[in-house]
Each structure stands twice: as structure tokens, then as C-alpha cells.
């Protein structure tokens, strides 16, 4: 079982002067779900090398058992520091793909031709796709075989308008996932803010927020079983 994990290379939080990137828990939890299941994991990002970590996700209040495990795992840290470039990836080499969130993907992966082509390939190949929190936003420009938005007519979730308002970034992010999916004809669903919430529609699995990352990873494994 080969799993591709795609991380952002974008570090600037809009024009705020603050930094963003990927959310630590949304990487660490799925990484160990896959690792403990015996998967071979490849990490990729648009620029390659070390993806930027959202500094807020490194605060004590956002640490979990699995983020602590990652910080004690020098091999995993080395893997993360040496991601391959997304452009170098052949999707035929992988059984599934997982996108961790953090705000970064809204800027780079959502607009990346390489990412769009990768997801469309997985979708057409009938392979499971997992995206959590802000990462479902990378589906924004992805099309189905009919040339329509991939989320059209499908059950999906992602970071809610309410959660974005709670972190005071409604007017900073380039687009709101909830609004975008609804406008594209997606059957957007959401649970309570910050609670685990995972939606499956065929091979497309989306999670609402950081608390949903482990659930999305486990749902992906179940599809592969």
C-alpha cells in the first residue's frame, strides 16, 4: 500500500504579515494512521523540501499524542524536511492520496495545475481521495469527467464559515470553502464547529476541521481494505 501525502508550500497568511502553512496535527495524525497500517508513505509539496508549518499549530494547546510522537520521531522529521516536488509524482504509483489542511493550501494547492491534474487522475482511476479542514479547498478548480466541478452533486465538507469567522480570517482567505462548494452545486454538510465530522461520497472523503483528520485517514484505509 502506497500513500501520497500532499502538503502546502505557501507560508504567507494573505497580507496580514503573519505566517501560515500546514497544520501539524492534520499531518501527524494521518501519517501515523497510515504508518501503523504498514503503508509506504511519500510526502510531496509544490516546491519540494520542507513545507512551512503554521506556527499556531505548534502552540501547546493544539498538541496531541500524535504530534508529540512526531516531534520524537527523527525519521519522520527527515521525511517531512525532504518532500519531493509535486510535479515529479506519477499518480499511478499510489493507491490513495491525502491532503492535510492549514490555510496554506487555499493559496497554492488550490491553484496548482499539478495538484488539479493529480486529483482528476485519482478520481478517474477510482482511487480514494482524502482531504481535511482547509485542504478540501484544493478541489476548487478540479473537474469531473463531464467538465463540471468535482463537488457538483456530491456530499462534501470542509472548514466552515463559522470556524473561519472564529479564527478571524473570513476577510483574509482567498475564498470560503463552504460558500464555494455550495455555489458549485456540492451538497455541503457540516457538524458542530471544531467537532470531528467526516463525509464520504464514493471514493471522495472530506473532513471538516483538525479534529476530523484521523477519521478521514481511517476512512481512506477502509476504502483500500
C-alpha atoms as a PDB file:
ATOM      1  CA  UNK A   1       0.000   0.000   0.000  1.00  0.00           C
ATOM      2  CA  UNK A   2       1.494   3.292  -1.130  1.00  0.00           C
ATOM      3  CA  UNK A   3       0.078   6.549   0.212  1.00  0.00           C
ATOM      4  CA  UNK A   4       0.840  10.007  -1.151  1.00  0.00           C
ATOM      5  CA  UNK A   5       0.518  12.940   1.246  1.00  0.00           C
ATOM      6  CA  UNK A   6       0.476  16.392  -0.369  1.00  0.00           C
ATOM      7  CA  UNK A   7       1.432  19.426   1.724  1.00  0.00           C
ATOM      8  CA  UNK A   8       1.400  23.146   1.009  1.00  0.00           C
ATOM      9  CA  UNK A   9       4.475  25.235   0.237  1.00  0.00           C
ATOM     10  CA  UNK A  10       2.694  28.537   0.969  1.00  0.00           C
ATOM     11  CA  UNK A  11       3.691  30.416   4.125  1.00  0.00           C
ATOM     12  CA  UNK A  12       2.172  33.921   3.954  1.00  0.00           C
ATOM     13  CA  UNK A  13      -1.214  34.470   5.599  1.00  0.00           C
ATOM     14  CA  UNK A  14      -2.619  36.826   2.990  1.00  0.00           C
ATOM     15  CA  UNK A  15      -1.492  40.411   3.539  1.00  0.00           C
ATOM     16  CA  UNK A  16      -1.530  40.164   7.342  1.00  0.00           C
ATOM     17  CA  UNK A  17       2.239  39.871   7.703  1.00  0.00           C
ATOM     18  CA  UNK A  18       1.621  36.647   9.645  1.00  0.00           C
ATOM     19  CA  UNK A  19       2.696  33.150   8.671  1.00  0.00           C
ATOM     20  CA  UNK A  20       0.678  30.065   7.748  1.00  0.00           C
ATOM     21  CA  UNK A  21       1.391  26.674   6.186  1.00  0.00           C
ATOM     22  CA  UNK A  22       0.191  23.187   7.059  1.00  0.00           C
ATOM     23  CA  UNK A  23      -1.480  22.313  10.372  1.00  0.00           C
ATOM     24  CA  UNK A  24       0.724  19.980  12.402  1.00  0.00           C
ATOM     25  CA  UNK A  25      -1.983  17.687  13.811  1.00  0.00           C
ATOM     26  CA  UNK A  26      -3.583  17.280  10.374  1.00  0.00           C
ATOM     27  CA  UNK A  27      -0.289  15.896   9.110  1.00  0.00           C
ATOM     28  CA  UNK A  28       0.826  13.908  12.152  1.00  0.00           C
ATOM     29  CA  UNK A  29      -2.402  12.024  12.884  1.00  0.00           C
ATOM     30  CA  UNK A  30      -2.955  10.677   9.354  1.00  0.00           C
ATOM     31  CA  UNK A  31       0.774   9.999   8.927  1.00  0.00           C
ATOM     32  CA  UNK A  32       0.744   7.579  11.848  1.00  0.00           C
ATOM     33  CA  UNK A  33      -2.617   6.062  10.891  1.00  0.00           C
ATOM     34  CA  UNK A  34      -1.018   5.130   7.562  1.00  0.00           C
ATOM     35  CA  UNK A  35       2.373   4.213   9.032  1.00  0.00           C
ATOM     36  CA  UNK A  36       0.874   1.944  11.684  1.00  0.00           C
ATOM     37  CA  UNK A  37      -1.151   0.194   8.963  1.00  0.00           C
ATOM     38  CA  UNK A  38       2.087  -0.700   7.202  1.00  0.00           C
ATOM     39  CA  UNK A  39       1.787   1.803   4.367  1.00  0.00           C
ATOM     40  CA  UNK A  40       4.696   3.198   2.403  1.00  0.00           C
ATOM     41  CA  UNK A  41       4.274   6.985   2.584  1.00  0.00           C
ATOM     42  CA  UNK A  42       5.635   9.560   0.151  1.00  0.00           C
ATOM     43  CA  UNK A  43       5.442  13.248   1.043  1.00  0.00           C
ATOM     44  CA  UNK A  44       5.162  15.854  -1.698  1.00  0.00           C
ATOM     45  CA  UNK A  45       4.715  19.613  -1.963  1.00  0.00           C
ATOM     46  CA  UNK A  46       4.696  22.128  -4.824  1.00  0.00           C
ATOM     47  CA  UNK A  47       8.189  23.447  -4.043  1.00  0.00           C
ATOM     48  CA  UNK A  48       9.652  20.280  -2.526  1.00  0.00           C
ATOM     49  CA  UNK A  49      11.788  20.331   0.595  1.00  0.00           C
ATOM     50  CA  UNK A  50      10.494  21.469   3.980  1.00  0.00           C
ATOM     51  CA  UNK A  51       6.852  22.596   3.914  1.00  0.00           C
ATOM     52  CA  UNK A  52       6.065  25.618   6.107  1.00  0.00           C
ATOM     53  CA  UNK A  53       4.414  24.777   9.415  1.00  0.00           C
ATOM     54  CA  UNK A  54       1.599  27.026  10.564  1.00  0.00           C
ATOM     55  CA  UNK A  55       3.194  28.407  13.747  1.00  0.00           C
ATOM     56  CA  UNK A  56      -0.153  28.488  15.518  1.00  0.00           C
ATOM     57  CA  UNK A  57      -0.476  24.710  15.120  1.00  0.00           C
ATOM     58  CA  UNK A  58       2.724  24.338  17.147  1.00  0.00           C
ATOM     59  CA  UNK A  59       1.233  26.018  20.225  1.00  0.00           C
ATOM     60  CA  UNK A  60       0.863  23.836  23.338  1.00  0.00           C
ATOM     61  CA  UNK A  61      -2.952  23.875  23.285  1.00  0.00           C
ATOM     62  CA  UNK A  62      -3.024  22.230  19.843  1.00  0.00           C
ATOM     63  CA  UNK A  63      -0.704  19.319  20.633  1.00  0.00           C
ATOM     64  CA  UNK A  64      -1.932  15.720  20.729  1.00  0.00           C
ATOM     65  CA  UNK A  65      -0.442  12.337  21.429  1.00  0.00           C
ATOM     66  CA  UNK A  66       0.426  12.021  17.739  1.00  0.00           C
ATOM     67  CA  UNK A  67       2.037  15.456  17.393  1.00  0.00           C
ATOM     68  CA  UNK A  68       4.232  14.560  20.368  1.00  0.00           C
ATOM     69  CA  UNK A  69       5.060  11.266  18.676  1.00  0.00           C
ATOM     70  CA  UNK A  70       6.100  13.151  15.542  1.00  0.00           C
ATOM     71  CA  UNK A  71       8.348  15.509  17.492  1.00  0.00           C
ATOM     72  CA  UNK A  72      10.158  12.489  18.920  1.00  0.00           C
ATOM     73  CA  UNK A  73      10.436  10.779  15.514  1.00  0.00           C
ATOM     74  CA  UNK A  74      13.616  11.905  13.761  1.00  0.00           C
ATOM     75  CA  UNK A  75      12.953   9.698  10.728  1.00  0.00           C
ATOM     76  CA  UNK A  76       9.535  11.278  10.154  1.00  0.00           C
ATOM     77  CA  UNK A  77      11.016  14.760  10.598  1.00  0.00           C
ATOM     78  CA  UNK A  78      13.653  13.939   7.976  1.00  0.00           C
ATOM     79  CA  UNK A  79      10.948  12.769   5.561  1.00  0.00           C
ATOM     80  CA  UNK A  80       8.992  15.983   6.088  1.00  0.00           C
ATOM     81  CA  UNK A  81      12.079  18.143   5.544  1.00  0.00           C
ATOM     82  CA  UNK A  82      12.703  16.442   2.203  1.00  0.00           C
ATOM     83  CA  UNK A  83       9.353  16.317   0.417  1.00  0.00           C
ATOM     84  CA  UNK A  84       9.554  15.605  -3.299  1.00  0.00           C
ATOM     85  CA  UNK A  85       8.126  18.081  -5.801  1.00  0.00           C
ATOM     86  CA  UNK A  86       4.503  17.556  -6.706  1.00  0.00           C
ATOM     87  CA  UNK A  87       5.390  17.834 -10.405  1.00  0.00           C
ATOM     88  CA  UNK A  88       7.593  14.737 -10.104  1.00  0.00           C
ATOM     89  CA  UNK A  89       4.767  12.499  -8.857  1.00  0.00           C
ATOM     90  CA  UNK A  90       3.261   9.754 -11.017  1.00  0.00           C
ATOM     91  CA  UNK A  91      -0.215   9.107  -9.570  1.00  0.00           C
ATOM     92  CA  UNK A  92      -0.179   5.557 -10.960  1.00  0.00           C
ATOM     93  CA  UNK A  93       2.443   4.740  -8.316  1.00  0.00           C
ATOM     94  CA  UNK A  94      -0.015   5.302  -5.446  1.00  0.00           C
ATOM     95  CA  UNK A  95      -3.144   3.691  -4.043  1.00  0.00           C
ATOM     96  CA  UNK A  96      -4.510   6.804  -2.361  1.00  0.00           C
ATOM     97  CA  UNK A  97      -3.738  10.462  -1.680  1.00  0.00           C
ATOM     98  CA  UNK A  98      -4.280  12.550   1.438  1.00  0.00           C
ATOM     99  CA  UNK A  99      -4.155  16.354   1.734  1.00  0.00           C
ATOM    100  CA  UNK A 100      -3.605  17.850   5.217  1.00  0.00           C
ATOM    101  CA  UNK A 101      -5.002  21.322   5.792  1.00  0.00           C
ATOM    102  CA  UNK A 102      -3.787  24.509   7.327  1.00  0.00           C
ATOM    103  CA  UNK A 103      -4.602  27.737   5.493  1.00  0.00           C
ATOM    104  CA  UNK A 104      -1.664  27.406   3.091  1.00  0.00           C
ATOM    105  CA  UNK A 105      -3.392  25.112   0.555  1.00  0.00           C
ATOM    106  CA  UNK A 106      -6.024  27.770  -0.184  1.00  0.00           C
ATOM    107  CA  UNK A 107      -3.327  29.823  -1.877  1.00  0.00           C
ATOM    108  CA  UNK A 108      -1.027  27.361  -3.634  1.00  0.00           C
ATOM    109  CA  UNK A 109      -2.545  23.885  -3.965  1.00  0.00           C
ATOM    110  CA  UNK A 110      -5.987  25.218  -4.888  1.00  0.00           C
ATOM    111  CA  UNK A 111      -4.403  26.933  -7.916  1.00  0.00           C
ATOM    112  CA  UNK A 112      -1.766  24.292  -8.720  1.00  0.00           C
ATOM    113  CA  UNK A 113      -2.127  22.695 -12.156  1.00  0.00           C
ATOM    114  CA  UNK A 114      -0.111  19.727 -10.869  1.00  0.00           C
ATOM    115  CA  UNK A 115      -2.462  19.216  -7.935  1.00  0.00           C
ATOM    116  CA  UNK A 116      -5.573  19.616 -10.080  1.00  0.00           C
ATOM    117  CA  UNK A 117      -4.292  17.050 -12.599  1.00  0.00           C
ATOM    118  CA  UNK A 118      -3.309  14.669  -9.814  1.00  0.00           C
ATOM    119  CA  UNK A 119      -6.732  14.743  -8.176  1.00  0.00           C
ATOM    120  CA  UNK A 120      -8.513  14.366 -11.509  1.00  0.00           C
ATOM    121  CA  UNK A 121      -6.338  11.309 -12.257  1.00  0.00           C
ATOM    122  CA  UNK A 122      -7.148   9.708  -8.891  1.00  0.00           C
ATOM    123  CA  UNK A 123     -10.842  10.458  -9.355  1.00  0.00           C
ATOM    124  CA  UNK A 124     -10.962   8.946 -12.835  1.00  0.00           C
ATOM    125  CA  UNK A 125      -8.961   5.934 -11.663  1.00  0.00           C
ATOM    126  CA  UNK A 126     -11.481   5.188  -8.906  1.00  0.00           C
ATOM    127  CA  UNK A 127      -8.882   5.613  -6.169  1.00  0.00           C
ATOM    128  CA  UNK A 128      -9.832   7.110  -2.793  1.00  0.00           C
ATOM    129  CA  UNK A 129      -9.059  10.761  -2.076  1.00  0.00           C
ATOM    130  CA  UNK A 130      -8.870  12.243   1.435  1.00  0.00           C
ATOM    131  CA  UNK A 131      -8.793  15.936   2.308  1.00  0.00           C
ATOM    132  CA  UNK A 132      -9.244  17.591   5.681  1.00  0.00           C
ATOM    133  CA  UNK A 133     -10.078  21.048   7.069  1.00  0.00           C
ATOM    134  CA  UNK A 134      -8.855  23.659   4.551  1.00  0.00           C
ATOM    135  CA  UNK A 135      -7.484  21.037   2.167  1.00  0.00           C
ATOM    136  CA  UNK A 136     -10.897  20.344   0.569  1.00  0.00           C
ATOM    137  CA  UNK A 137     -10.444  23.839  -0.872  1.00  0.00           C
ATOM    138  CA  UNK A 138      -7.913  22.351  -3.299  1.00  0.00           C
ATOM    139  CA  UNK A 139     -10.908  20.844  -5.106  1.00  0.00           C
ATOM    140  CA  UNK A 140     -11.998  24.346  -6.169  1.00  0.00           C
ATOM    141  CA  UNK A 141     -10.823  24.061  -9.804  1.00  0.00           C
ATOM    142  CA  UNK A 142     -10.924  20.264 -10.135  1.00  0.00           C
ATOM    143  CA  UNK A 143     -13.356  18.952 -12.768  1.00  0.00           C
ATOM    144  CA  UNK A 144     -15.230  15.689 -13.144  1.00  0.00           C
ATOM    145  CA  UNK A 145     -15.355  13.744 -16.428  1.00  0.00           C
ATOM    146  CA  UNK A 146     -18.221  15.980 -17.599  1.00  0.00           C
ATOM    147  CA  UNK A 147     -16.056  19.072 -17.165  1.00  0.00           C
ATOM    148  CA  UNK A 148     -18.087  20.273 -14.177  1.00  0.00           C
ATOM    149  CA  UNK A 149     -16.826  20.966 -10.621  1.00  0.00           C
ATOM    150  CA  UNK A 150     -15.842  17.678  -8.986  1.00  0.00           C
ATOM    151  CA  UNK A 151     -18.005  18.521  -5.955  1.00  0.00           C
ATOM    152  CA  UNK A 152     -21.171  19.075  -8.010  1.00  0.00           C
ATOM    153  CA  UNK A 153     -23.886  16.731  -6.781  1.00  0.00           C
ATOM    154  CA  UNK A 154     -21.578  15.167  -4.183  1.00  0.00           C
ATOM    155  CA  UNK A 155     -21.619  15.115  -0.395  1.00  0.00           C
ATOM    156  CA  UNK A 156     -18.680  17.165   0.876  1.00  0.00           C
ATOM    157  CA  UNK A 157     -17.460  19.091   3.894  1.00  0.00           C
ATOM    158  CA  UNK A 158     -14.574  21.363   4.799  1.00  0.00           C
ATOM    159  CA  UNK A 159     -13.739  24.212   7.187  1.00  0.00           C
ATOM    160  CA  UNK A 160     -16.998  26.032   7.900  1.00  0.00           C
ATOM    161  CA  UNK A 161     -17.803  29.722   7.582  1.00  0.00           C
ATOM    162  CA  UNK A 162     -18.381  29.725  11.327  1.00  0.00           C
ATOM    163  CA  UNK A 163     -14.982  28.222  12.064  1.00  0.00           C
ATOM    164  CA  UNK A 164     -13.302  30.716   9.715  1.00  0.00           C
ATOM    165  CA  UNK A 165     -15.085  33.567  11.485  1.00  0.00           C
ATOM    166  CA  UNK A 166     -13.992  32.183  14.850  1.00  0.00           C
ATOM    167  CA  UNK A 167     -10.327  32.453  13.829  1.00  0.00           C
ATOM    168  CA  UNK A 168     -10.990  35.941  12.398  1.00  0.00           C
ATOM    169  CA  UNK A 169      -9.792  35.103   8.884  1.00  0.00           C
ATOM    170  CA  UNK A 170     -13.016  35.421   6.879  1.00  0.00           C
ATOM    171  CA  UNK A 171     -11.704  38.521   5.108  1.00  0.00           C
ATOM    172  CA  UNK A 172      -8.131  37.202   4.769  1.00  0.00           C
ATOM    173  CA  UNK A 173      -8.564  33.865   2.984  1.00  0.00           C
ATOM    174  CA  UNK A 174      -8.859  33.941  -0.832  1.00  0.00           C
ATOM    175  CA  UNK A 175     -12.188  32.096  -0.696  1.00  0.00           C
ATOM    176  CA  UNK A 176     -14.523  30.403   1.772  1.00  0.00           C
ATOM    177  CA  UNK A 177     -14.825  26.644   1.314  1.00  0.00           C
ATOM    178  CA  UNK A 178     -18.446  26.400   2.463  1.00  0.00           C
ATOM    179  CA  UNK A 179     -19.609  29.148   0.088  1.00  0.00           C
ATOM    180  CA  UNK A 180     -17.538  27.808  -2.809  1.00  0.00           C
ATOM    181  CA  UNK A 181     -18.838  24.251  -2.559  1.00  0.00           C
ATOM    182  CA  UNK A 182     -22.456  25.398  -2.323  1.00  0.00           C
ATOM    183  CA  UNK A 183     -22.007  27.700  -5.337  1.00  0.00           C
ATOM    184  CA  UNK A 184     -20.517  24.791  -7.308  1.00  0.00           C
ATOM    185  CA  UNK A 185     -23.510  22.565  -6.615  1.00  0.00           C
ATOM    186  CA  UNK A 186     -21.911  20.478  -3.898  1.00  0.00           C
ATOM    187  CA  UNK A 187     -24.097  19.022  -1.152  1.00  0.00           C
ATOM    188  CA  UNK A 188     -22.099  20.729   1.592  1.00  0.00           C
ATOM    189  CA  UNK A 189     -22.571  19.294   5.075  1.00  0.00           C
ATOM    190  CA  UNK A 190     -21.218  20.319   8.447  1.00  0.00           C
ATOM    191  CA  UNK A 191     -21.264  19.256  12.062  1.00  0.00           C
ATOM    192  CA  UNK A 192     -20.738  21.419  15.158  1.00  0.00           C
ATOM    193  CA  UNK A 193     -17.739  23.738  14.941  1.00  0.00           C
ATOM    194  CA  UNK A 194     -14.468  22.019  15.955  1.00  0.00           C
ATOM    195  CA  UNK A 195     -16.072  18.571  16.419  1.00  0.00           C
ATOM    196  CA  UNK A 196     -14.962  15.597  14.304  1.00  0.00           C
ATOM    197  CA  UNK A 197     -17.044  15.378  11.129  1.00  0.00           C
ATOM    198  CA  UNK A 198     -16.203  13.170   8.136  1.00  0.00           C
ATOM    199  CA  UNK A 199     -18.208  12.875   4.915  1.00  0.00           C
ATOM    200  CA  UNK A 200     -17.836  10.054   2.390  1.00  0.00           C
ATOM    201  CA  UNK A 201     -19.171  10.179  -1.148  1.00  0.00           C
ATOM    202  CA  UNK A 202     -17.905   7.211  -3.090  1.00  0.00           C
ATOM    203  CA  UNK A 203     -14.121   7.500  -3.097  1.00  0.00           C
ATOM    204  CA  UNK A 204     -14.136  11.189  -2.077  1.00  0.00           C
ATOM    205  CA  UNK A 205     -13.617  11.600   1.673  1.00  0.00           C
ATOM    206  CA  UNK A 206     -13.570  15.029   3.299  1.00  0.00           C
ATOM    207  CA  UNK A 207     -13.171  16.169   6.904  1.00  0.00           C
ATOM    208  CA  UNK A 208     -14.397  19.429   8.389  1.00  0.00           C
ATOM    209  CA  UNK A 209     -11.598  20.517  10.731  1.00  0.00           C
ATOM    210  CA  UNK A 210      -8.423  19.387  12.543  1.00  0.00           C
ATOM    211  CA  UNK A 211     -10.388  17.038  14.792  1.00  0.00           C
ATOM    212  CA  UNK A 212     -11.502  15.155  11.663  1.00  0.00           C
ATOM    213  CA  UNK A 213      -8.038  14.313  10.296  1.00  0.00           C
ATOM    214  CA  UNK A 214      -7.649  10.899  11.921  1.00  0.00           C
ATOM    215  CA  UNK A 215     -11.177   9.927  10.867  1.00  0.00           C
ATOM    216  CA  UNK A 216     -10.512  10.786   7.221  1.00  0.00           C
ATOM    217  CA  UNK A 217      -7.300   8.742   7.240  1.00  0.00           C
ATOM    218  CA  UNK A 218      -9.066   5.740   8.761  1.00  0.00           C
ATOM    219  CA  UNK A 219     -11.882   6.050   6.195  1.00  0.00           C
ATOM    220  CA  UNK A 220      -9.278   6.003   3.421  1.00  0.00           C
ATOM    221  CA  UNK A 221      -7.759   2.810   4.822  1.00  0.00           C
ATOM    222  CA  UNK A 222     -11.209   1.239   4.987  1.00  0.00           C
ATOM    223  CA  UNK A 223     -11.699   2.002   1.256  1.00  0.00           C
ATOM    224  CA  UNK A 224      -8.404   0.278   0.477  1.00  0.00           C
ATOM    225  CA  UNK A 225      -9.078  -2.754   2.661  1.00  0.00           C
END
